[in-house]
């Protein structure tokens, strides 16, 4: 009987450990996908602008393919976990929450891929049909692409006609992403409105972001020094005070001039 209880206890410990590892692995994979899709969106913004180039088109291609690889891995992992009938109610609720986050990330990726296709068609580089737009963006996007690909230096090896040749592949991949999302909804039925959030909206912006075990670098959020904020407020107050004084001086001068004009007439 003692051996039976010990075996039962060990099985419970293993199940709990497996559950924790499963959730941590899903969060890590989802974190990586979110960062790559964010990098892809940043690159899409530069399309059609004066920062557009053949290198940018290749960066977009590599980044979206990386995003699709991560999406396939996330889908496989989460689908298997949500179809498991032995998981606890709390674990299922957590996996459903991750599933909703994953679905949202996929929707954003699909939107950005469609936008990339439309802009790419309107702004071919090899045979330009219109002038690039001066958006104010300058510099290379290599750093963003390298962060998405988890490499220090990007290697460019695409042909000169990538700006038009890749559009066919992009169009096919958009259809594949859409089909993947439809299959997801059929295999795992999770109602987004029934999933409860675990934190307040914008809570992640109030705390420092951490990479965890993700293979993708963090897009850091720099927090301003409170002392600098206080100094800025004092400067703003002084500027407002000066503006009020100047306003009253102008009003007084205008009144004096008006008085003199009336008396002279």
C-alpha atoms as a PDB file:
ATOM      1  CA  UNK A   1       0.000   0.000   0.000  1.00  0.00           C
ATOM      2  CA  UNK A   2       2.867   2.340   0.848  1.00  0.00           C
ATOM      3  CA  UNK A   3       4.472   1.648  -2.526  1.00  0.00           C
ATOM      4  CA  UNK A   4       1.149   2.315  -4.210  1.00  0.00           C
ATOM      5  CA  UNK A   5       0.793   5.679  -2.462  1.00  0.00           C
ATOM      6  CA  UNK A   6       4.401   6.563  -3.320  1.00  0.00           C
ATOM      7  CA  UNK A   7       3.835   5.710  -6.967  1.00  0.00           C
ATOM      8  CA  UNK A   8       0.638   7.754  -7.029  1.00  0.00           C
ATOM      9  CA  UNK A   9       2.471  10.694  -5.444  1.00  0.00           C
ATOM     10  CA  UNK A  10       5.331  10.472  -7.946  1.00  0.00           C
ATOM     11  CA  UNK A  11       2.870  10.384 -10.847  1.00  0.00           C
ATOM     12  CA  UNK A  12       1.212  13.528  -9.464  1.00  0.00           C
ATOM     13  CA  UNK A  13       4.532  15.319  -9.146  1.00  0.00           C
ATOM     14  CA  UNK A  14       5.496  14.345 -12.693  1.00  0.00           C
ATOM     15  CA  UNK A  15       2.126  15.538 -14.000  1.00  0.00           C
ATOM     16  CA  UNK A  16       2.485  18.921 -12.237  1.00  0.00           C
ATOM     17  CA  UNK A  17       6.050  19.325 -13.503  1.00  0.00           C
ATOM     18  CA  UNK A  18       4.954  18.433 -17.026  1.00  0.00           C
ATOM     19  CA  UNK A  19       2.095  20.938 -16.802  1.00  0.00           C
ATOM     20  CA  UNK A  20       4.413  23.753 -15.702  1.00  0.00           C
ATOM     21  CA  UNK A  21       6.930  22.920 -18.443  1.00  0.00           C
ATOM     22  CA  UNK A  22       4.156  22.815 -21.028  1.00  0.00           C
ATOM     23  CA  UNK A  23       2.876  26.259 -20.093  1.00  0.00           C
ATOM     24  CA  UNK A  24       6.371  27.746 -19.941  1.00  0.00           C
ATOM     25  CA  UNK A  25       7.225  26.287 -23.341  1.00  0.00           C
ATOM     26  CA  UNK A  26       4.024  27.675 -24.866  1.00  0.00           C
ATOM     27  CA  UNK A  27       4.655  31.114 -23.388  1.00  0.00           C
ATOM     28  CA  UNK A  28       8.228  31.114 -24.701  1.00  0.00           C
ATOM     29  CA  UNK A  29       7.136  30.088 -28.195  1.00  0.00           C
ATOM     30  CA  UNK A  30       4.339  32.659 -28.210  1.00  0.00           C
ATOM     31  CA  UNK A  31       6.700  35.359 -26.976  1.00  0.00           C
ATOM     32  CA  UNK A  32       9.062  34.577 -29.860  1.00  0.00           C
ATOM     33  CA  UNK A  33       6.199  34.733 -32.380  1.00  0.00           C
ATOM     34  CA  UNK A  34       4.971  38.073 -31.028  1.00  0.00           C
ATOM     35  CA  UNK A  35       8.421  39.631 -31.317  1.00  0.00           C
ATOM     36  CA  UNK A  36       8.941  38.415 -34.881  1.00  0.00           C
ATOM     37  CA  UNK A  37       5.505  39.671 -35.980  1.00  0.00           C
ATOM     38  CA  UNK A  38       6.278  43.020 -34.327  1.00  0.00           C
ATOM     39  CA  UNK A  39       9.551  43.222 -36.256  1.00  0.00           C
ATOM     40  CA  UNK A  40       7.699  42.332 -39.454  1.00  0.00           C
ATOM     41  CA  UNK A  41       5.224  45.152 -38.878  1.00  0.00           C
ATOM     42  CA  UNK A  42       8.117  47.581 -38.351  1.00  0.00           C
ATOM     43  CA  UNK A  43       9.619  46.509 -41.682  1.00  0.00           C
ATOM     44  CA  UNK A  44       6.304  46.813 -43.531  1.00  0.00           C
ATOM     45  CA  UNK A  45       6.048  50.449 -42.424  1.00  0.00           C
ATOM     46  CA  UNK A  46       9.217  51.219 -44.416  1.00  0.00           C
ATOM     47  CA  UNK A  47       7.793  49.810 -47.665  1.00  0.00           C
ATOM     48  CA  UNK A  48       7.237  52.415 -50.356  1.00  0.00           C
ATOM     49  CA  UNK A  49       9.189  55.032 -48.409  1.00  0.00           C
ATOM     50  CA  UNK A  50      12.620  56.460 -49.099  1.00  0.00           C
ATOM     51  CA  UNK A  51      13.977  53.727 -46.790  1.00  0.00           C
ATOM     52  CA  UNK A  52      12.718  51.040 -49.189  1.00  0.00           C
ATOM     53  CA  UNK A  53      15.360  48.886 -50.866  1.00  0.00           C
ATOM     54  CA  UNK A  54      16.100  45.431 -52.202  1.00  0.00           C
ATOM     55  CA  UNK A  55      17.569  44.516 -48.818  1.00  0.00           C
ATOM     56  CA  UNK A  56      14.310  45.504 -47.136  1.00  0.00           C
ATOM     57  CA  UNK A  57      12.334  43.241 -49.485  1.00  0.00           C
ATOM     58  CA  UNK A  58      14.627  40.333 -48.598  1.00  0.00           C
ATOM     59  CA  UNK A  59      14.340  41.146 -44.889  1.00  0.00           C
ATOM     60  CA  UNK A  60      10.558  41.072 -45.191  1.00  0.00           C
ATOM     61  CA  UNK A  61      10.650  37.696 -46.913  1.00  0.00           C
ATOM     62  CA  UNK A  62      12.911  36.099 -44.310  1.00  0.00           C
ATOM     63  CA  UNK A  63      11.044  37.628 -41.371  1.00  0.00           C
ATOM     64  CA  UNK A  64       7.591  36.505 -42.494  1.00  0.00           C
ATOM     65  CA  UNK A  65       8.878  32.975 -43.165  1.00  0.00           C
ATOM     66  CA  UNK A  66      10.337  32.924 -39.664  1.00  0.00           C
ATOM     67  CA  UNK A  67       6.969  34.066 -38.315  1.00  0.00           C
ATOM     68  CA  UNK A  68       5.165  31.298 -40.194  1.00  0.00           C
ATOM     69  CA  UNK A  69       7.562  28.665 -38.823  1.00  0.00           C
ATOM     70  CA  UNK A  70       6.923  29.872 -35.276  1.00  0.00           C
ATOM     71  CA  UNK A  71       3.179  30.008 -35.965  1.00  0.00           C
ATOM     72  CA  UNK A  72       3.155  26.371 -37.122  1.00  0.00           C
ATOM     73  CA  UNK A  73       5.061  25.308 -33.997  1.00  0.00           C
ATOM     74  CA  UNK A  74       2.684  27.266 -31.736  1.00  0.00           C
ATOM     75  CA  UNK A  75      -0.371  25.783 -33.446  1.00  0.00           C
ATOM     76  CA  UNK A  76       0.901  22.199 -33.123  1.00  0.00           C
ATOM     77  CA  UNK A  77       1.808  22.599 -29.465  1.00  0.00           C
ATOM     78  CA  UNK A  78      -1.364  24.375 -28.347  1.00  0.00           C
ATOM     79  CA  UNK A  79      -3.652  22.134 -30.374  1.00  0.00           C
ATOM     80  CA  UNK A  80      -2.210  19.010 -28.752  1.00  0.00           C
ATOM     81  CA  UNK A  81      -2.532  20.472 -25.261  1.00  0.00           C
ATOM     82  CA  UNK A  82      -6.101  21.717 -25.704  1.00  0.00           C
ATOM     83  CA  UNK A  83      -7.225  18.347 -27.117  1.00  0.00           C
ATOM     84  CA  UNK A  84      -5.793  16.564 -24.084  1.00  0.00           C
ATOM     85  CA  UNK A  85      -8.721  15.463 -21.887  1.00  0.00           C
ATOM     86  CA  UNK A  86      -6.534  14.848 -18.835  1.00  0.00           C
ATOM     87  CA  UNK A  87      -5.424  18.437 -18.185  1.00  0.00           C
ATOM     88  CA  UNK A  88      -6.893  20.312 -15.222  1.00  0.00           C
ATOM     89  CA  UNK A  89      -9.499  23.053 -15.500  1.00  0.00           C
ATOM     90  CA  UNK A  90      -6.964  25.749 -14.566  1.00  0.00           C
ATOM     91  CA  UNK A  91      -4.465  24.503 -17.151  1.00  0.00           C
ATOM     92  CA  UNK A  92      -7.134  24.467 -19.836  1.00  0.00           C
ATOM     93  CA  UNK A  93      -8.115  28.039 -18.986  1.00  0.00           C
ATOM     94  CA  UNK A  94      -4.479  29.109 -19.309  1.00  0.00           C
ATOM     95  CA  UNK A  95      -4.011  27.303 -22.631  1.00  0.00           C
ATOM     96  CA  UNK A  96      -7.206  28.879 -23.955  1.00  0.00           C
ATOM     97  CA  UNK A  97      -5.883  32.296 -22.991  1.00  0.00           C
ATOM     98  CA  UNK A  98      -2.627  31.570 -24.844  1.00  0.00           C
ATOM     99  CA  UNK A  99      -4.680  30.316 -27.800  1.00  0.00           C
ATOM    100  CA  UNK A 100      -6.545  33.625 -28.009  1.00  0.00           C
ATOM    101  CA  UNK A 101      -3.259  35.542 -27.877  1.00  0.00           C
ATOM    102  CA  UNK A 102      -1.875  33.278 -30.587  1.00  0.00           C
ATOM    103  CA  UNK A 103      -4.947  33.818 -32.788  1.00  0.00           C
ATOM    104  CA  UNK A 104      -4.637  37.592 -32.369  1.00  0.00           C
ATOM    105  CA  UNK A 105      -0.979  37.481 -33.370  1.00  0.00           C
ATOM    106  CA  UNK A 106      -1.871  35.458 -36.464  1.00  0.00           C
ATOM    107  CA  UNK A 107      -4.554  37.946 -37.454  1.00  0.00           C
ATOM    108  CA  UNK A 108      -2.058  40.808 -37.194  1.00  0.00           C
ATOM    109  CA  UNK A 109       0.465  38.858 -39.256  1.00  0.00           C
ATOM    110  CA  UNK A 110      -2.123  38.225 -41.978  1.00  0.00           C
ATOM    111  CA  UNK A 111      -3.090  41.921 -42.062  1.00  0.00           C
ATOM    112  CA  UNK A 112       0.549  42.994 -42.387  1.00  0.00           C
ATOM    113  CA  UNK A 113       1.239  40.417 -45.100  1.00  0.00           C
ATOM    114  CA  UNK A 114      -1.710  41.750 -47.118  1.00  0.00           C
ATOM    115  CA  UNK A 115      -0.482  45.309 -46.621  1.00  0.00           C
ATOM    116  CA  UNK A 116       2.994  44.259 -47.740  1.00  0.00           C
ATOM    117  CA  UNK A 117       1.529  42.731 -50.898  1.00  0.00           C
ATOM    118  CA  UNK A 118      -0.472  45.839 -51.771  1.00  0.00           C
ATOM    119  CA  UNK A 119       2.417  48.252 -51.202  1.00  0.00           C
ATOM    120  CA  UNK A 120       4.864  45.939 -52.972  1.00  0.00           C
ATOM    121  CA  UNK A 121       2.629  45.912 -56.035  1.00  0.00           C
ATOM    122  CA  UNK A 122       2.310  49.705 -55.997  1.00  0.00           C
ATOM    123  CA  UNK A 123       6.030  50.356 -55.504  1.00  0.00           C
ATOM    124  CA  UNK A 124       8.194  48.029 -57.612  1.00  0.00           C
ATOM    125  CA  UNK A 125      11.877  48.907 -57.226  1.00  0.00           C
ATOM    126  CA  UNK A 126      13.466  47.634 -60.429  1.00  0.00           C
ATOM    127  CA  UNK A 127      10.994  49.382 -62.735  1.00  0.00           C
ATOM    128  CA  UNK A 128       9.541  52.141 -60.545  1.00  0.00           C
ATOM    129  CA  UNK A 129       6.107  53.382 -61.505  1.00  0.00           C
ATOM    130  CA  UNK A 130       5.896  56.161 -58.905  1.00  0.00           C
ATOM    131  CA  UNK A 131       8.146  58.117 -56.588  1.00  0.00           C
ATOM    132  CA  UNK A 132       8.934  56.746 -53.152  1.00  0.00           C
ATOM    133  CA  UNK A 133       7.165  58.562 -50.328  1.00  0.00           C
ATOM    134  CA  UNK A 134       9.145  60.843 -48.026  1.00  0.00           C
ATOM    135  CA  UNK A 135       7.854  59.628 -44.680  1.00  0.00           C
ATOM    136  CA  UNK A 136      10.663  61.005 -42.524  1.00  0.00           C
ATOM    137  CA  UNK A 137      12.082  57.532 -41.860  1.00  0.00           C
ATOM    138  CA  UNK A 138      15.812  57.269 -42.461  1.00  0.00           C
ATOM    139  CA  UNK A 139      18.479  54.633 -42.045  1.00  0.00           C
ATOM    140  CA  UNK A 140      18.639  50.893 -42.522  1.00  0.00           C
ATOM    141  CA  UNK A 141      16.227  48.293 -41.159  1.00  0.00           C
ATOM    142  CA  UNK A 142      18.947  45.668 -40.849  1.00  0.00           C
ATOM    143  CA  UNK A 143      18.994  45.794 -37.046  1.00  0.00           C
ATOM    144  CA  UNK A 144      15.273  45.045 -36.808  1.00  0.00           C
ATOM    145  CA  UNK A 145      15.533  42.172 -39.287  1.00  0.00           C
ATOM    146  CA  UNK A 146      18.553  40.713 -37.480  1.00  0.00           C
ATOM    147  CA  UNK A 147      16.621  40.815 -34.203  1.00  0.00           C
ATOM    148  CA  UNK A 148      13.748  38.926 -35.799  1.00  0.00           C
ATOM    149  CA  UNK A 149      16.072  36.290 -37.283  1.00  0.00           C
ATOM    150  CA  UNK A 150      18.129  35.987 -34.071  1.00  0.00           C
ATOM    151  CA  UNK A 151      21.395  36.723 -35.869  1.00  0.00           C
ATOM    152  CA  UNK A 152      24.060  39.366 -35.412  1.00  0.00           C
ATOM    153  CA  UNK A 153      24.546  40.140 -39.096  1.00  0.00           C
ATOM    154  CA  UNK A 154      22.060  39.695 -41.911  1.00  0.00           C
ATOM    155  CA  UNK A 155      23.224  37.924 -45.075  1.00  0.00           C
ATOM    156  CA  UNK A 156      21.691  39.149 -48.319  1.00  0.00           C
ATOM    157  CA  UNK A 157      21.609  36.718 -51.218  1.00  0.00           C
ATOM    158  CA  UNK A 158      18.373  37.427 -53.105  1.00  0.00           C
ATOM    159  CA  UNK A 159      18.203  38.150 -56.831  1.00  0.00           C
ATOM    160  CA  UNK A 160      17.708  41.652 -58.153  1.00  0.00           C
ATOM    161  CA  UNK A 161      14.096  40.946 -59.099  1.00  0.00           C
ATOM    162  CA  UNK A 162      12.959  39.991 -55.586  1.00  0.00           C
ATOM    163  CA  UNK A 163      10.685  43.047 -55.457  1.00  0.00           C
ATOM    164  CA  UNK A 164       8.359  41.470 -58.032  1.00  0.00           C
ATOM    165  CA  UNK A 165       9.269  37.757 -57.938  1.00  0.00           C
ATOM    166  CA  UNK A 166       8.473  37.457 -54.224  1.00  0.00           C
ATOM    167  CA  UNK A 167       4.975  38.864 -54.634  1.00  0.00           C
ATOM    168  CA  UNK A 168       3.652  35.548 -55.992  1.00  0.00           C
ATOM    169  CA  UNK A 169       5.088  33.674 -53.013  1.00  0.00           C
ATOM    170  CA  UNK A 170       3.657  36.268 -50.659  1.00  0.00           C
ATOM    171  CA  UNK A 171       0.201  35.918 -52.183  1.00  0.00           C
ATOM    172  CA  UNK A 172       0.325  32.138 -51.762  1.00  0.00           C
ATOM    173  CA  UNK A 173       1.542  32.452 -48.172  1.00  0.00           C
ATOM    174  CA  UNK A 174      -1.324  34.806 -47.325  1.00  0.00           C
ATOM    175  CA  UNK A 175      -3.740  32.095 -48.450  1.00  0.00           C
ATOM    176  CA  UNK A 176      -1.852  29.523 -46.362  1.00  0.00           C
ATOM    177  CA  UNK A 177      -2.063  31.695 -43.245  1.00  0.00           C
ATOM    178  CA  UNK A 178      -5.792  32.191 -43.792  1.00  0.00           C
ATOM    179  CA  UNK A 179      -6.274  28.457 -44.255  1.00  0.00           C
ATOM    180  CA  UNK A 180      -4.257  27.785 -41.091  1.00  0.00           C
ATOM    181  CA  UNK A 181      -6.520  30.090 -39.091  1.00  0.00           C
ATOM    182  CA  UNK A 182      -9.642  28.349 -40.424  1.00  0.00           C
ATOM    183  CA  UNK A 183      -8.235  24.937 -39.506  1.00  0.00           C
ATOM    184  CA  UNK A 184      -7.392  26.228 -36.041  1.00  0.00           C
ATOM    185  CA  UNK A 185     -10.985  27.286 -35.449  1.00  0.00           C
ATOM    186  CA  UNK A 186     -12.262  23.889 -36.609  1.00  0.00           C
ATOM    187  CA  UNK A 187      -9.855  21.778 -34.551  1.00  0.00           C
ATOM    188  CA  UNK A 188     -10.032  23.779 -31.326  1.00  0.00           C
ATOM    189  CA  UNK A 189     -13.195  25.709 -30.552  1.00  0.00           C
ATOM    190  CA  UNK A 190     -12.274  28.452 -28.107  1.00  0.00           C
ATOM    191  CA  UNK A 191     -14.640  31.391 -27.678  1.00  0.00           C
ATOM    192  CA  UNK A 192     -12.465  34.512 -27.307  1.00  0.00           C
ATOM    193  CA  UNK A 193     -15.175  36.369 -25.373  1.00  0.00           C
ATOM    194  CA  UNK A 194     -15.266  33.587 -22.771  1.00  0.00           C
ATOM    195  CA  UNK A 195     -11.538  33.808 -21.975  1.00  0.00           C
ATOM    196  CA  UNK A 196     -10.711  35.965 -18.970  1.00  0.00           C
ATOM    197  CA  UNK A 197      -7.646  38.205 -18.961  1.00  0.00           C
ATOM    198  CA  UNK A 198      -5.089  37.638 -16.205  1.00  0.00           C
ATOM    199  CA  UNK A 199      -3.943  41.263 -15.982  1.00  0.00           C
ATOM    200  CA  UNK A 200      -5.224  44.773 -16.591  1.00  0.00           C
ATOM    201  CA  UNK A 201      -4.994  46.294 -20.050  1.00  0.00           C
ATOM    202  CA  UNK A 202      -1.582  47.860 -20.608  1.00  0.00           C
ATOM    203  CA  UNK A 203      -0.060  46.216 -17.527  1.00  0.00           C
ATOM    204  CA  UNK A 204       2.850  44.914 -19.569  1.00  0.00           C
ATOM    205  CA  UNK A 205       3.804  48.493 -20.468  1.00  0.00           C
ATOM    206  CA  UNK A 206       4.121  49.442 -16.803  1.00  0.00           C
ATOM    207  CA  UNK A 207       6.648  46.766 -16.007  1.00  0.00           C
ATOM    208  CA  UNK A 208      10.033  45.955 -17.483  1.00  0.00           C
ATOM    209  CA  UNK A 209       9.911  43.428 -20.321  1.00  0.00           C
ATOM    210  CA  UNK A 210      12.033  40.298 -19.996  1.00  0.00           C
ATOM    211  CA  UNK A 211      13.222  37.869 -22.630  1.00  0.00           C
ATOM    212  CA  UNK A 212      12.906  34.701 -20.566  1.00  0.00           C
ATOM    213  CA  UNK A 213      13.973  31.703 -22.640  1.00  0.00           C
ATOM    214  CA  UNK A 214      12.967  33.255 -25.936  1.00  0.00           C
ATOM    215  CA  UNK A 215      15.453  33.073 -28.775  1.00  0.00           C
ATOM    216  CA  UNK A 216      14.381  36.475 -30.022  1.00  0.00           C
ATOM    217  CA  UNK A 217      15.809  39.653 -28.536  1.00  0.00           C
ATOM    218  CA  UNK A 218      13.614  42.033 -26.634  1.00  0.00           C
ATOM    219  CA  UNK A 219      12.312  45.239 -28.128  1.00  0.00           C
ATOM    220  CA  UNK A 220      13.232  47.354 -25.139  1.00  0.00           C
ATOM    221  CA  UNK A 221      11.057  50.073 -23.682  1.00  0.00           C
ATOM    222  CA  UNK A 222      13.140  52.887 -22.241  1.00  0.00           C
ATOM    223  CA  UNK A 223      11.740  54.527 -19.151  1.00  0.00           C
ATOM    224  CA  UNK A 224      12.442  58.183 -18.569  1.00  0.00           C
ATOM    225  CA  UNK A 225      14.153  59.337 -15.383  1.00  0.00           C
ATOM    226  CA  UNK A 226      11.625  60.882 -12.967  1.00  0.00           C
ATOM    227  CA  UNK A 227      14.107  63.677 -12.252  1.00  0.00           C
ATOM    228  CA  UNK A 228      14.120  64.608 -15.912  1.00  0.00           C
ATOM    229  CA  UNK A 229      10.326  64.710 -15.854  1.00  0.00           C
ATOM    230  CA  UNK A 230      10.363  67.112 -12.887  1.00  0.00           C
ATOM    231  CA  UNK A 231      12.852  69.352 -14.650  1.00  0.00           C
ATOM    232  CA  UNK A 232      10.709  69.334 -17.775  1.00  0.00           C
ATOM    233  CA  UNK A 233       7.641  70.318 -15.758  1.00  0.00           C
ATOM    234  CA  UNK A 234       9.511  73.260 -14.184  1.00  0.00           C
ATOM    235  CA  UNK A 235      10.692  74.428 -17.613  1.00  0.00           C
ATOM    236  CA  UNK A 236       7.163  74.130 -18.978  1.00  0.00           C
ATOM    237  CA  UNK A 237       5.757  76.156 -16.059  1.00  0.00           C
ATOM    238  CA  UNK A 238       8.351  78.889 -16.552  1.00  0.00           C
ATOM    239  CA  UNK A 239       7.627  79.035 -20.276  1.00  0.00           C
ATOM    240  CA  UNK A 240       3.905  79.374 -19.573  1.00  0.00           C
ATOM    241  CA  UNK A 241       4.572  82.197 -17.111  1.00  0.00           C
ATOM    242  CA  UNK A 242       6.696  84.053 -19.678  1.00  0.00           C
ATOM    243  CA  UNK A 243       4.013  83.597 -22.306  1.00  0.00           C
ATOM    244  CA  UNK A 244       1.392  85.138 -20.010  1.00  0.00           C
ATOM    245  CA  UNK A 245       3.631  88.170 -19.324  1.00  0.00           C
ATOM    246  CA  UNK A 246       4.300  88.689 -23.033  1.00  0.00           C
ATOM    247  CA  UNK A 247       0.557  88.456 -23.744  1.00  0.00           C
ATOM    248  CA  UNK A 248      -0.256  91.165 -21.171  1.00  0.00           C
ATOM    249  CA  UNK A 249       2.529  93.422 -22.493  1.00  0.00           C
ATOM    250  CA  UNK A 250       1.117  93.135 -26.010  1.00  0.00           C
ATOM    251  CA  UNK A 251      -2.376  93.941 -24.747  1.00  0.00           C
ATOM    252  CA  UNK A 252      -1.106  97.013 -22.858  1.00  0.00           C
ATOM    253  CA  UNK A 253       0.842  98.290 -25.887  1.00  0.00           C
ATOM    254  CA  UNK A 254      -2.201  97.824 -28.095  1.00  0.00           C
ATOM    255  CA  UNK A 255      -4.376  99.723 -25.586  1.00  0.00           C
ATOM    256  CA  UNK A 256      -1.902 102.625 -25.397  1.00  0.00           C
ATOM    257  CA  UNK A 257      -1.628 102.837 -29.180  1.00  0.00           C
ATOM    258  CA  UNK A 258      -5.408 102.796 -29.511  1.00  0.00           C
ATOM    259  CA  UNK A 259      -5.737 105.568 -26.964  1.00  0.00           C
ATOM    260  CA  UNK A 260      -3.178 107.720 -28.765  1.00  0.00           C
ATOM    261  CA  UNK A 261      -4.814 107.173 -32.148  1.00  0.00           C
ATOM    262  CA  UNK A 262      -8.197 108.241 -30.753  1.00  0.00           C
ATOM    263  CA  UNK A 263      -6.779 111.413 -29.178  1.00  0.00           C
ATOM    264  CA  UNK A 264      -4.845 112.379 -32.307  1.00  0.00           C
ATOM    265  CA  UNK A 265      -7.948 112.032 -34.449  1.00  0.00           C
END
